[in-house]
């Protein structure tokens, strides 16, 4: 029997384990997870009955295999959810689907609303050309945006960095309003220092021209129009948050005979002179334990993977050590009410604003985004009708002043920013807070990232090593693409092919990854 060792029990690692075990009985699979929970950044944190989604995860994919995989583990909603019932709201229901009021294992159908909060006003995300948008910007700003965009159409900049990438698609004025500060806040670097490939991957087809096409598509093509991902109007979401899917997957892996070891940090690999890995060493309960294997699937950060190996060429080690990451802090805040008014036509429980998350474009605060968990799923909040459960998101570097602050100090700082942004009236509106920190949440596209192809080729030359997932490939993958890298890795393992380019080519297509067909 072939022994497969998988590092990481996030979406990529657990997908690989499940795929191998469900497709063949020839594999002995072991999964090593550094923490005590499953899902990586896609985990759900349960704090006193209120659940936090680390990062916000829409379940929407243009890949039928991924959608079928999700539905196999979590059946689609077939009856109204709690908030649908309270509001008498219609929602897409699956025939013979699960009842979320009776069953926990159910995938909800949710309405997508994501907006930008700028200058105390809401703007659509991505920016639309609605009358409300133009009214919010004012006549003179609207004219500046229009002429700036026309200038970008006829005077293209070389796309040598992310700043030029955005300007080419939105014009300099709109870039300065909605992209420049947010991007710098997210990465800790100015967009002019960031590789344009991040925009090519995350933004792709989105631009002013895409917005115009969508407007006219609605008028002339109706429901058969082609829709850019960030313009989708519905998405699927596990009743109890994204981590629920990975808890179920982990359970299935164990039922199929796989082994999952939690609180097990993989620290070293032994590579022989035949370009194969023979074993790994993990730390658990203060001890270091060696485990031999035939095949290794890694979703751990590339930096840690390479630096944990023996006999590494100098340049390879230098590139790996130089790969940057951005870390993340989320403060769960339970409030009695929000000061923000719902001026949309969308009905919500308590008439709160309908957004799943809101991008904060305010140079006077450090907050990057906030989630409203009530709108992700009514079952994420213990007292749906009398409280609002928020997640305030901050992008940081591990070890910096913000990362090292105490929970009490950070909570005070974040609540002050809520008041400054007009989310609440005063700290008297706060019922409770809870802080979560996530290391290496976002692989970044600067420093030695421009040499990533060299590192990828070297990793691919190790015959029995397969790199999957967001951190495993140092690529800003969404859940579906992380899963697809594992689909491809399993296909290669089972077929015995030596060429791993199919794994690395996931999420390199030119169209936006959640484009509706």
Protein backbone atom coordinates (compact mmCIF):
# COMPACT_ATOMS: atom_id res chain seq x y z
CA UNK A 1 0.00 0.00 0.00
CA UNK A 2 1.27 3.48 -0.90
CA UNK A 3 1.69 5.75 2.12
CA UNK A 4 0.64 9.35 1.47
CA UNK A 5 1.51 12.07 3.99
CA UNK A 6 -0.50 15.30 3.68
CA UNK A 7 0.54 18.50 5.43
CA UNK A 8 -2.37 20.75 6.39
CA UNK A 9 -6.07 20.07 7.07
CA UNK A 10 -7.40 23.08 5.19
CA UNK A 11 -9.47 22.90 1.98
CA UNK A 12 -6.56 21.64 -0.17
CA UNK A 13 -5.23 19.05 2.27
CA UNK A 14 -8.60 17.57 3.23
CA UNK A 15 -9.78 17.54 -0.39
CA UNK A 16 -6.67 15.57 -1.38
CA UNK A 17 -7.20 13.09 1.46
CA UNK A 18 -10.88 12.58 0.64
CA UNK A 19 -10.23 12.22 -3.09
CA UNK A 20 -7.50 9.59 -2.63
CA UNK A 21 -9.45 7.53 -0.12
CA UNK A 22 -12.78 7.68 -1.97
CA UNK A 23 -11.27 6.78 -5.35
CA UNK A 24 -8.91 3.94 -4.35
CA UNK A 25 -8.15 1.52 -1.55
CA UNK A 26 -4.44 1.50 -2.44
CA UNK A 27 -3.48 4.47 -0.28
CA UNK A 28 -2.69 4.77 3.42
CA UNK A 29 -3.37 8.47 4.08
CA UNK A 30 -2.14 10.53 7.04
CA UNK A 31 -2.94 14.23 7.48
CA UNK A 32 -0.92 16.50 9.80
CA UNK A 33 -2.61 19.67 11.07
CA UNK A 34 -0.70 22.24 13.12
CA UNK A 35 -3.82 23.51 14.94
CA UNK A 36 -6.70 21.74 16.65
CA UNK A 37 -9.32 22.78 14.05
CA UNK A 38 -10.00 22.10 10.39
CA UNK A 39 -10.36 24.45 7.44
CA UNK A 40 -7.31 26.72 7.74
CA UNK A 41 -8.43 30.28 7.01
CA UNK A 42 -11.79 28.74 6.04
CA UNK A 43 -12.47 27.63 9.57
CA UNK A 44 -15.40 28.76 11.71
CA UNK A 45 -14.82 30.00 15.26
CA UNK A 46 -17.67 29.45 17.73
CA UNK A 47 -17.61 32.07 20.49
CA UNK A 48 -20.45 31.72 23.01
CA UNK A 49 -22.84 30.57 20.29
CA UNK A 50 -21.85 33.34 17.87
CA UNK A 51 -19.81 32.08 14.92
CA UNK A 52 -17.03 33.88 13.04
CA UNK A 53 -16.01 33.22 9.45
CA UNK A 54 -12.28 33.88 9.09
CA UNK A 55 -12.11 36.00 5.95
CA UNK A 56 -15.60 35.63 4.53
CA UNK A 57 -16.17 32.75 2.10
CA UNK A 58 -18.68 32.77 -0.71
CA UNK A 59 -19.27 29.29 -2.10
CA UNK A 60 -19.61 29.90 -5.80
CA UNK A 61 -17.68 28.23 -8.61
CA UNK A 62 -17.90 27.88 -12.36
CA UNK A 63 -16.43 24.36 -12.03
CA UNK A 64 -19.19 21.68 -12.00
CA UNK A 65 -16.91 19.19 -10.23
CA UNK A 66 -16.45 21.57 -7.29
CA UNK A 67 -20.16 22.38 -7.00
CA UNK A 68 -21.04 18.67 -7.09
CA UNK A 69 -18.38 17.98 -4.42
CA UNK A 70 -19.85 20.60 -2.08
CA UNK A 71 -23.39 19.36 -2.64
CA UNK A 72 -22.34 15.77 -1.98
CA UNK A 73 -21.22 16.72 1.53
CA UNK A 74 -23.78 19.44 2.28
CA UNK A 75 -27.18 19.11 0.55
CA UNK A 76 -28.72 22.29 -0.80
CA UNK A 77 -31.41 24.19 1.07
CA UNK A 78 -34.89 22.90 0.22
CA UNK A 79 -36.93 24.95 2.71
CA UNK A 80 -36.75 28.56 3.95
CA UNK A 81 -34.13 29.43 6.57
CA UNK A 82 -34.86 31.30 9.80
CA UNK A 83 -34.53 34.80 8.36
CA UNK A 84 -36.44 33.84 5.20
CA UNK A 85 -39.34 32.76 7.43
CA UNK A 86 -39.24 35.87 9.62
CA UNK A 87 -39.25 38.17 6.61
CA UNK A 88 -41.49 36.12 4.32
CA UNK A 89 -38.61 36.35 1.84
CA UNK A 90 -38.40 34.15 -1.27
CA UNK A 91 -35.15 32.31 -1.96
CA UNK A 92 -33.93 29.72 -4.45
CA UNK A 93 -34.78 26.25 -3.09
CA UNK A 94 -33.61 22.84 -4.24
CA UNK A 95 -36.17 20.13 -4.91
CA UNK A 96 -36.07 17.57 -2.06
CA UNK A 97 -33.39 19.70 -0.38
CA UNK A 98 -32.62 19.90 3.34
CA UNK A 99 -34.61 21.96 5.84
CA UNK A 100 -32.24 24.34 7.68
CA UNK A 101 -34.72 24.72 10.53
CA UNK A 102 -34.45 20.99 11.25
CA UNK A 103 -31.12 19.89 9.76
CA UNK A 104 -27.66 21.29 10.45
CA UNK A 105 -26.00 19.74 7.41
CA UNK A 106 -27.33 22.08 4.75
CA UNK A 107 -25.92 24.54 2.24
CA UNK A 108 -27.92 27.77 2.28
CA UNK A 109 -28.64 29.97 -0.73
CA UNK A 110 -27.75 33.56 0.18
CA UNK A 111 -28.16 36.94 -1.47
CA UNK A 112 -24.86 38.65 -2.21
CA UNK A 113 -24.40 42.25 -1.12
CA UNK A 114 -20.88 43.68 -0.81
CA UNK A 115 -20.36 47.42 -0.77
CA UNK A 116 -17.69 50.02 -0.19
CA UNK A 117 -17.96 52.50 2.69
CA UNK A 118 -16.27 55.72 1.56
CA UNK A 119 -16.76 59.19 2.99
CA UNK A 120 -19.64 57.84 5.15
CA UNK A 121 -21.51 56.72 2.01
CA UNK A 122 -22.13 53.31 0.50
CA UNK A 123 -20.93 52.45 -3.00
CA UNK A 124 -21.52 49.19 -4.87
CA UNK A 125 -18.63 46.75 -5.04
CA UNK A 126 -17.41 46.62 -7.70
CA UNK A 127 -18.26 50.25 -8.45
CA UNK A 128 -21.44 50.52 -10.53
CA UNK A 129 -22.68 53.38 -12.67
CA UNK A 130 -26.03 53.71 -10.91
CA UNK A 131 -27.56 57.11 -10.24
CA UNK A 132 -26.87 56.62 -6.51
CA UNK A 133 -23.15 56.18 -7.25
CA UNK A 134 -22.99 59.34 -9.33
CA UNK A 135 -25.02 61.24 -6.72
CA UNK A 136 -22.67 60.11 -3.92
CA UNK A 137 -19.59 61.16 -5.86
CA UNK A 138 -21.04 64.49 -6.92
CA UNK A 139 -21.00 66.12 -10.35
CA UNK A 140 -17.39 67.31 -10.39
CA UNK A 141 -15.92 64.04 -9.09
CA UNK A 142 -18.05 62.10 -11.58
CA UNK A 143 -16.70 64.22 -14.44
CA UNK A 144 -13.13 63.73 -13.19
CA UNK A 145 -13.68 59.95 -13.00
CA UNK A 146 -15.15 59.90 -16.52
CA UNK A 147 -12.37 61.91 -18.16
CA UNK A 148 -9.75 60.00 -16.19
CA UNK A 149 -11.17 56.69 -17.47
CA UNK A 150 -11.25 57.95 -21.08
CA UNK A 151 -7.62 58.98 -20.72
CA UNK A 152 -6.73 55.47 -19.51
CA UNK A 153 -8.51 53.93 -22.51
CA UNK A 154 -6.30 55.77 -25.00
CA UNK A 155 -3.08 55.97 -22.95
CA UNK A 156 -2.36 52.50 -21.58
CA UNK A 157 0.38 52.17 -18.99
CA UNK A 158 2.83 49.25 -19.02
CA UNK A 159 1.41 46.68 -16.56
CA UNK A 160 4.62 46.32 -14.62
CA UNK A 161 2.87 46.77 -11.27
CA UNK A 162 -0.55 46.63 -9.65
CA UNK A 163 -1.04 50.40 -9.71
CA UNK A 164 -0.80 50.54 -13.52
CA UNK A 165 -3.02 47.47 -13.79
CA UNK A 166 -5.82 49.21 -11.88
CA UNK A 167 -5.40 52.55 -13.66
CA UNK A 168 -5.68 50.85 -17.07
CA UNK A 169 -9.04 49.36 -16.08
CA UNK A 170 -10.61 52.09 -13.94
CA UNK A 171 -8.75 55.33 -14.66
CA UNK A 172 -6.45 57.12 -12.23
CA UNK A 173 -9.17 59.04 -10.35
CA UNK A 174 -11.28 55.97 -9.52
CA UNK A 175 -8.10 54.09 -8.65
CA UNK A 176 -7.12 56.83 -6.19
CA UNK A 177 -10.59 56.82 -4.58
CA UNK A 178 -11.33 53.11 -4.31
CA UNK A 179 -8.17 51.05 -4.81
CA UNK A 180 -4.99 52.83 -3.76
CA UNK A 181 -5.41 53.10 0.01
CA UNK A 182 -7.32 49.84 0.45
CA UNK A 183 -4.62 47.91 -1.43
CA UNK A 184 -1.85 49.55 0.56
CA UNK A 185 -3.71 48.83 3.79
CA UNK A 186 -4.22 45.20 2.76
CA UNK A 187 -0.62 44.46 1.78
CA UNK A 188 1.38 47.02 3.74
CA UNK A 189 2.92 48.09 0.42
CA UNK A 190 1.95 50.71 -2.15
CA UNK A 191 0.34 49.17 -5.29
CA UNK A 192 3.29 50.45 -7.35
CA UNK A 193 5.48 47.92 -5.46
CA UNK A 194 3.17 44.93 -6.01
CA UNK A 195 3.30 42.55 -8.96
CA UNK A 196 0.47 43.07 -11.46
CA UNK A 197 -0.23 39.32 -11.49
CA UNK A 198 -2.20 39.71 -8.24
CA UNK A 199 -4.66 41.95 -10.07
CA UNK A 200 -4.66 39.66 -13.08
CA UNK A 201 -5.67 36.80 -10.80
CA UNK A 202 -8.15 38.52 -8.49
CA UNK A 203 -9.69 41.17 -10.71
CA UNK A 204 -9.28 39.75 -14.22
CA UNK A 205 -12.37 40.75 -16.25
CA UNK A 206 -13.56 43.45 -13.85
CA UNK A 207 -13.26 47.01 -15.17
CA UNK A 208 -15.39 50.00 -16.12
CA UNK A 209 -16.04 48.30 -19.47
CA UNK A 210 -17.21 45.15 -17.66
CA UNK A 211 -19.64 47.24 -15.60
CA UNK A 212 -21.02 48.80 -18.79
CA UNK A 213 -21.36 45.38 -20.43
CA UNK A 214 -23.25 44.09 -17.39
CA UNK A 215 -25.66 47.05 -17.46
CA UNK A 216 -26.45 46.62 -21.15
CA UNK A 217 -26.47 42.83 -20.78
CA UNK A 218 -29.28 43.11 -18.23
CA UNK A 219 -31.24 45.30 -20.62
CA UNK A 220 -30.77 43.29 -23.80
CA UNK A 221 -29.93 39.70 -22.78
CA UNK A 222 -31.87 39.10 -19.59
CA UNK A 223 -31.05 36.00 -17.59
CA UNK A 224 -28.74 34.46 -20.20
CA UNK A 225 -26.13 37.18 -19.83
CA UNK A 226 -22.56 36.42 -18.89
CA UNK A 227 -21.81 37.81 -15.40
CA UNK A 228 -18.45 38.67 -13.85
CA UNK A 229 -17.93 36.94 -10.53
CA UNK A 230 -18.10 39.92 -8.24
CA UNK A 231 -21.41 40.77 -9.88
CA UNK A 232 -23.08 37.47 -8.94
CA UNK A 233 -26.29 37.90 -7.00
CA UNK A 234 -26.48 34.60 -5.08
CA UNK A 235 -24.00 32.22 -3.52
CA UNK A 236 -24.07 29.06 -1.40
CA UNK A 237 -23.02 29.04 2.24
CA UNK A 238 -22.86 26.31 4.93
CA UNK A 239 -25.49 26.83 7.63
CA UNK A 240 -22.87 26.97 10.41
CA UNK A 241 -20.10 28.71 8.47
CA UNK A 242 -17.36 27.47 6.12
CA UNK A 243 -15.58 25.42 8.77
CA UNK A 244 -18.63 23.15 8.94
CA UNK A 245 -17.81 21.77 5.47
CA UNK A 246 -14.26 20.91 6.51
CA UNK A 247 -15.35 19.36 9.81
CA UNK A 248 -17.62 17.07 7.78
CA UNK A 249 -14.83 16.33 5.28
CA UNK A 250 -12.43 15.43 8.10
CA UNK A 251 -15.06 13.07 9.53
CA UNK A 252 -15.48 11.42 6.11
CA UNK A 253 -11.69 11.04 5.74
CA UNK A 254 -11.56 9.18 9.05
CA UNK A 255 -14.55 7.02 8.10
CA UNK A 256 -12.72 6.04 4.91
CA UNK A 257 -9.72 4.89 6.95
CA UNK A 258 -7.57 8.02 6.85
CA UNK A 259 -5.63 9.27 9.88
CA UNK A 260 -5.67 12.93 10.94
CA UNK A 261 -3.22 14.10 13.60
CA UNK A 262 -4.04 17.53 15.05
CA UNK A 263 -1.72 19.85 17.00
CA UNK A 264 1.05 18.36 14.87
CA UNK A 265 3.42 20.94 13.38
CA UNK A 266 5.56 19.61 10.54
CA UNK A 267 9.05 21.11 10.94
CA UNK A 268 11.48 19.09 8.77
CA UNK A 269 11.75 16.89 5.70
CA UNK A 270 14.48 14.45 4.76
CA UNK A 271 15.24 14.49 1.04
CA UNK A 272 17.55 11.88 -0.50
CA UNK A 273 19.93 12.31 -3.42
CA UNK A 274 17.41 10.80 -5.86
CA UNK A 275 15.25 13.94 -5.63
CA UNK A 276 12.68 12.27 -3.41
CA UNK A 277 11.46 12.99 0.11
CA UNK A 278 11.76 10.00 2.42
CA UNK A 279 10.25 11.30 5.67
CA UNK A 280 8.95 14.25 7.63
CA UNK A 281 9.34 15.25 11.26
CA UNK A 282 6.48 16.75 13.24
CA UNK A 283 6.23 18.20 16.74
CA UNK A 284 3.44 17.08 19.06
CA UNK A 285 3.18 17.31 22.85
CA UNK A 286 6.75 18.58 23.08
CA UNK A 287 8.19 15.63 21.15
CA UNK A 288 9.60 15.35 17.63
CA UNK A 289 8.34 12.34 15.70
CA UNK A 290 9.55 11.08 12.32
CA UNK A 291 7.10 9.59 9.81
CA UNK A 292 8.21 7.90 6.59
CA UNK A 293 6.12 8.10 3.44
CA UNK A 294 6.03 7.36 -0.27
CA UNK A 295 4.18 10.49 -1.44
CA UNK A 296 3.99 13.94 0.15
CA UNK A 297 1.24 16.50 -0.50
CA UNK A 298 2.02 19.90 0.99
CA UNK A 299 -0.39 22.77 1.62
CA UNK A 300 1.94 24.38 4.18
CA UNK A 301 3.57 27.74 3.35
CA UNK A 302 6.22 27.31 0.65
CA UNK A 303 8.71 29.24 2.79
CA UNK A 304 8.40 26.75 5.66
CA UNK A 305 8.37 23.73 3.32
CA UNK A 306 11.61 24.63 1.55
CA UNK A 307 13.43 25.87 4.65
CA UNK A 308 12.57 22.59 6.39
CA UNK A 309 14.45 20.51 3.80
CA UNK A 310 18.06 19.41 3.73
CA UNK A 311 20.56 20.11 0.90
CA UNK A 312 18.79 23.16 -0.54
CA UNK A 313 20.56 25.18 -3.27
CA UNK A 314 21.45 28.68 -2.09
CA UNK A 315 19.24 30.51 -4.61
CA UNK A 316 16.23 28.30 -3.87
CA UNK A 317 16.57 28.92 -0.15
CA UNK A 318 16.99 32.67 -0.75
CA UNK A 319 13.81 32.87 -2.86
CA UNK A 320 11.80 30.83 -0.34
CA UNK A 321 12.98 32.88 2.64
CA UNK A 322 12.09 36.09 0.80
CA UNK A 323 8.49 35.15 0.03
CA UNK A 324 6.23 37.61 1.88
CA UNK A 325 2.91 37.05 3.62
CA UNK A 326 0.28 39.26 5.17
CA UNK A 327 -1.30 38.23 8.44
CA UNK A 328 -4.76 38.96 9.67
CA UNK A 329 -6.68 39.86 12.82
CA UNK A 330 -10.44 39.72 13.20
CA UNK A 331 -12.35 41.14 16.14
CA UNK A 332 -15.80 39.67 16.66
CA UNK A 333 -18.04 42.42 18.07
CA UNK A 334 -21.54 41.78 19.40
CA UNK A 335 -23.68 44.95 19.40
CA UNK A 336 -27.24 45.85 20.35
CA UNK A 337 -27.77 47.75 17.12
CA UNK A 338 -25.99 49.38 14.19
CA UNK A 339 -26.09 53.11 13.53
CA UNK A 340 -25.94 52.43 9.78
CA UNK A 341 -29.34 52.77 8.10
CA UNK A 342 -30.70 50.29 5.58
CA UNK A 343 -31.58 52.50 2.62
CA UNK A 344 -31.85 49.58 0.20
CA UNK A 345 -34.99 47.77 -0.90
CA UNK A 346 -33.68 44.53 0.61
CA UNK A 347 -35.48 43.27 3.71
CA UNK A 348 -33.37 42.18 6.68
CA UNK A 349 -34.08 41.05 10.23
CA UNK A 350 -34.01 44.15 12.42
CA UNK A 351 -33.71 46.22 9.22
CA UNK A 352 -29.91 46.19 9.47
CA UNK A 353 -27.87 46.95 6.34
CA UNK A 354 -27.97 43.86 4.06
CA UNK A 355 -24.23 43.54 3.38
CA UNK A 356 -22.28 40.34 3.95
CA UNK A 357 -19.14 42.43 4.12
CA UNK A 358 -18.21 46.05 3.64
CA UNK A 359 -14.88 47.33 2.31
CA UNK A 360 -13.66 50.31 4.33
CA UNK A 361 -12.06 53.05 2.23
CA UNK A 362 -11.16 55.58 4.89
CA UNK A 363 -7.61 56.84 5.33
CA UNK A 364 -8.40 57.84 8.93
CA UNK A 365 -8.76 54.23 10.12
CA UNK A 366 -6.79 50.98 9.88
CA UNK A 367 -9.87 48.75 9.53
CA UNK A 368 -9.86 47.07 6.14
CA UNK A 369 -13.26 45.42 6.05
CA UNK A 370 -16.07 44.34 8.32
CA UNK A 371 -18.42 41.40 8.05
CA UNK A 372 -22.02 41.25 9.25
CA UNK A 373 -22.47 37.60 10.16
CA UNK A 374 -26.26 37.94 10.50
CA UNK A 375 -26.38 38.26 6.71
CA UNK A 376 -24.10 35.32 5.96
CA UNK A 377 -26.34 32.90 7.83
CA UNK A 378 -29.00 33.52 10.49
CA UNK A 379 -27.57 30.54 12.36
CA UNK A 380 -24.21 32.28 12.88
CA UNK A 381 -25.83 34.53 15.51
CA UNK A 382 -27.23 33.26 18.80
CA UNK A 383 -29.82 36.04 19.18
CA UNK A 384 -30.61 37.01 15.58
CA UNK A 385 -33.51 39.36 16.31
CA UNK A 386 -31.89 41.40 19.11
CA UNK A 387 -28.17 41.56 18.32
CA UNK A 388 -25.81 42.17 15.40
CA UNK A 389 -22.63 40.10 15.22
CA UNK A 390 -19.76 41.75 13.34
CA UNK A 391 -16.24 40.77 12.33
CA UNK A 392 -13.82 43.71 12.07
CA UNK A 393 -10.89 42.78 9.84
CA UNK A 394 -7.36 44.17 10.08
CA UNK A 395 -4.38 43.30 7.89
CA UNK A 396 -1.12 43.14 9.82
CA UNK A 397 2.34 41.58 9.92
CA UNK A 398 3.05 38.94 12.52
CA UNK A 399 5.08 40.54 15.28
CA UNK A 400 4.16 44.16 14.52
CA UNK A 401 2.67 46.53 17.10
CA UNK A 402 -0.94 45.68 16.25
CA UNK A 403 -0.31 41.91 16.22
CA UNK A 404 1.40 42.07 19.62
CA UNK A 405 -1.30 44.19 21.29
CA UNK A 406 -3.40 42.62 24.02
CA UNK A 407 -6.97 41.62 23.25
CA UNK A 408 -8.25 44.34 25.57
CA UNK A 409 -6.14 47.06 23.94
CA UNK A 410 -6.98 45.91 20.42
CA UNK A 411 -10.69 45.76 21.26
CA UNK A 412 -10.61 49.35 22.59
CA UNK A 413 -8.78 50.53 19.46
CA UNK A 414 -11.19 48.78 17.06
CA UNK A 415 -14.32 49.97 18.89
CA UNK A 416 -13.01 53.55 18.69
CA UNK A 417 -12.70 53.07 14.92
CA UNK A 418 -16.29 51.78 14.78
CA UNK A 419 -17.45 55.02 16.40
CA UNK A 420 -15.27 57.09 14.06
CA UNK A 421 -16.80 55.32 11.02
CA UNK A 422 -20.34 55.78 12.33
CA UNK A 423 -21.06 52.06 12.79
CA UNK A 424 -22.23 52.61 16.37
CA UNK A 425 -22.99 55.61 18.60
CA UNK A 426 -20.80 54.72 21.55
CA UNK A 427 -19.00 51.89 23.34
CA UNK A 428 -22.20 51.41 25.38
CA UNK A 429 -23.61 49.62 22.31
CA UNK A 430 -20.98 46.85 22.70
CA UNK A 431 -22.12 43.63 24.38
CA UNK A 432 -19.01 41.48 23.88
CA UNK A 433 -15.83 41.10 21.79
CA UNK A 434 -13.54 38.25 20.76
CA UNK A 435 -10.18 38.42 18.95
CA UNK A 436 -8.75 35.90 16.45
CA UNK A 437 -5.31 36.01 14.82
CA UNK A 438 -4.45 34.21 11.56
CA UNK A 439 -0.83 33.74 10.46
CA UNK A 440 0.14 33.76 6.76
CA UNK A 441 -3.43 34.41 5.67
CA UNK A 442 -2.44 36.07 2.41
CA UNK A 443 0.55 35.06 0.27
CA UNK A 444 1.89 38.36 -1.08
CA UNK A 445 3.09 39.33 -4.55
CA UNK A 446 6.30 41.30 -3.96
CA UNK A 447 9.92 40.85 -2.76
CA UNK A 448 11.14 37.49 -4.18
CA UNK A 449 7.73 36.61 -5.63
CA UNK A 450 8.95 37.58 -9.12
CA UNK A 451 11.28 34.55 -8.92
CA UNK A 452 8.46 32.18 -8.01
CA UNK A 453 8.72 30.32 -11.34
CA UNK A 454 12.27 29.24 -10.46
CA UNK A 455 11.09 27.95 -7.10
CA UNK A 456 8.09 26.20 -8.66
CA UNK A 457 10.29 24.37 -11.18
CA UNK A 458 12.62 23.20 -8.42
CA UNK A 459 9.74 21.96 -6.25
CA UNK A 460 8.20 20.16 -9.24
CA UNK A 461 11.50 18.33 -9.77
CA UNK A 462 11.05 16.52 -6.44
CA UNK A 463 9.25 13.49 -7.83
CA UNK A 464 7.07 12.51 -4.88
CA UNK A 465 6.15 16.04 -3.72
CA UNK A 466 2.91 17.79 -4.74
CA UNK A 467 2.26 21.41 -3.72
CA UNK A 468 -1.41 22.36 -3.40
CA UNK A 469 -3.62 25.14 -2.04
CA UNK A 470 -3.15 28.82 -1.33
CA UNK A 471 0.00 28.66 0.79
CA UNK A 472 1.24 25.47 -0.85
CA UNK A 473 1.61 27.37 -4.13
CA UNK A 474 2.01 30.90 -2.73
CA UNK A 475 -0.98 31.95 -4.80
CA UNK A 476 -4.08 33.84 -3.68
CA UNK A 477 -6.48 30.98 -4.45
CA UNK A 478 -10.12 30.87 -3.43
CA UNK A 479 -11.60 27.70 -1.94
CA UNK A 480 -12.57 26.19 -5.30
CA UNK A 481 -9.14 26.70 -6.81
CA UNK A 482 -7.43 25.31 -3.71
CA UNK A 483 -9.60 22.24 -4.09
CA UNK A 484 -8.87 22.00 -7.82
CA UNK A 485 -5.11 21.89 -7.19
CA UNK A 486 -5.79 18.80 -5.07
CA UNK A 487 -8.06 17.28 -7.72
CA UNK A 488 -5.19 17.61 -10.19
CA UNK A 489 -2.58 16.30 -7.74
CA UNK A 490 -4.67 13.19 -7.04
CA UNK A 491 -5.12 12.60 -10.79
CA UNK A 492 -1.34 12.79 -11.25
CA UNK A 493 -0.65 10.48 -8.31
CA UNK A 494 -3.14 7.86 -9.51
CA UNK A 495 -1.95 8.00 -13.13
CA UNK A 496 1.74 8.08 -12.24
CA UNK A 497 2.48 11.10 -14.44
CA UNK A 498 5.68 13.06 -13.75
CA UNK A 499 4.45 16.35 -15.22
CA UNK A 500 2.89 18.54 -12.51
CA UNK A 501 2.19 21.60 -14.66
CA UNK A 502 -1.58 20.90 -14.49
CA UNK A 503 -1.48 21.47 -10.72
CA UNK A 504 0.36 24.78 -11.01
CA UNK A 505 -1.81 25.92 -13.93
CA UNK A 506 -4.99 26.00 -11.83
CA UNK A 507 -6.31 29.57 -11.54
CA UNK A 508 -4.20 30.96 -14.36
CA UNK A 509 -7.04 31.29 -16.87
CA UNK A 510 -7.78 34.76 -18.16
CA UNK A 511 -11.41 34.89 -17.11
CA UNK A 512 -12.50 35.74 -13.60
CA UNK A 513 -12.64 32.61 -11.47
CA UNK A 514 -16.30 32.83 -10.44
CA UNK A 515 -17.64 33.97 -13.78
CA UNK A 516 -21.18 32.69 -14.23
CA UNK A 517 -21.86 30.66 -17.37
